[in-house]
Amino acid sequence: MRIKFYCGRFTGPGLCGSGHIGRSSPALPVSVLGTLAYNPDGPLPEGMFYVQFTEVFMANSLSISSPRDRLKPQKKSPFDAQVFLQSVGASRRVAEFQKKQTIFSQGDAADSVMYVQKGSVKLTVINESGKEAVVAILSSGDFFGEGGMAGQTLRIGSATAMVPTTVLIIEKDEMTRVLHAEHELADRFILHMLARNIRVEADLIDQLFNSTEKRLARTLLLLARYGKEDQPERMLQKISQETLAEMIGTTRSRVNLFMNKFKRLGFIEYKGRIKINKSLLTVVLHE
């Protein structure tokens, strides 16, 4: 295969100058570029002539790929689950929520899965009489709102930002697609769901068999991430006694009673924010 190329001007013996192929090329010896050829469409203006180039020259010297090169499959870049969860893209967006702002409400359409990039989220359920229970407190790295992927059409609870919070919202169909396509994200999501299931079972056992005092101590330790792989956060973000009461199924007055007891014994310290000391574990471990 040979490609015809107009040389715009003759610059010297065996040389041609700028051409008309959509770019300029430096003056190169004709013997290097190709061979002079006649014009099959008739005479050219004075000083113009045809030069034929081989396909190899065009590909190597003018950076034009050959048809064979264009058929080569492009190497797919490796999938990075963390990059996916920290960026916007097709069918996913980032939303900012202020403290106490509702992310979704009980009864809303369950059409997306959410991921906490930064901040803290409270999941609650309200019964017909208006009594509210806190189901979970989530932090960065947690998924929520995944019920729609299991057949739920409506949200069975509400989600509220406890502090300024950044959330990645992924449409349900996009989440389903990427879980099937990318094993790294699927593994991470499954581990999250298993951990959540274990936590729910432990919460149920705690509610059925443990005293209010022990339930409160366990909740404070969980909020401080004791038992996690990373270092525990000894200083909790500000959380009200009403919220703690809703989490463990008791009244605010009972929470206040035991918080004062924990403080007196040196298990916790608080002036606005609560500092959790490791000695609080003795309440949970004591039979």
Foldseek 3Di string as FASTA:
>chain_A
DKDKWKFDADDDVQWTFFTPPPDGDHIDGLVVAADWDQDPVDDDPPRMGIGIGDPVCCCPVVVDDDPVVVPDDDDDDDDDLVVVQVDDDPQKDKDKDAAFGWPDAFFAFLFWKKAWQAAKKWKWAADPVGDIATPDIDGHGAIDSCVVLVPDGTHRITMTTRHTTMMMIGTNVRVVVCLVVPVVNVVSVVVNVVVSVVVNVVLVCCLPPPDPLLLLLVVLCVQQVPPDPDDGNQKHQFDDLCNSCSHNVHDSVVSVVNVVVCVVVVQWDDDRIIGGDPVSVCSNPPD
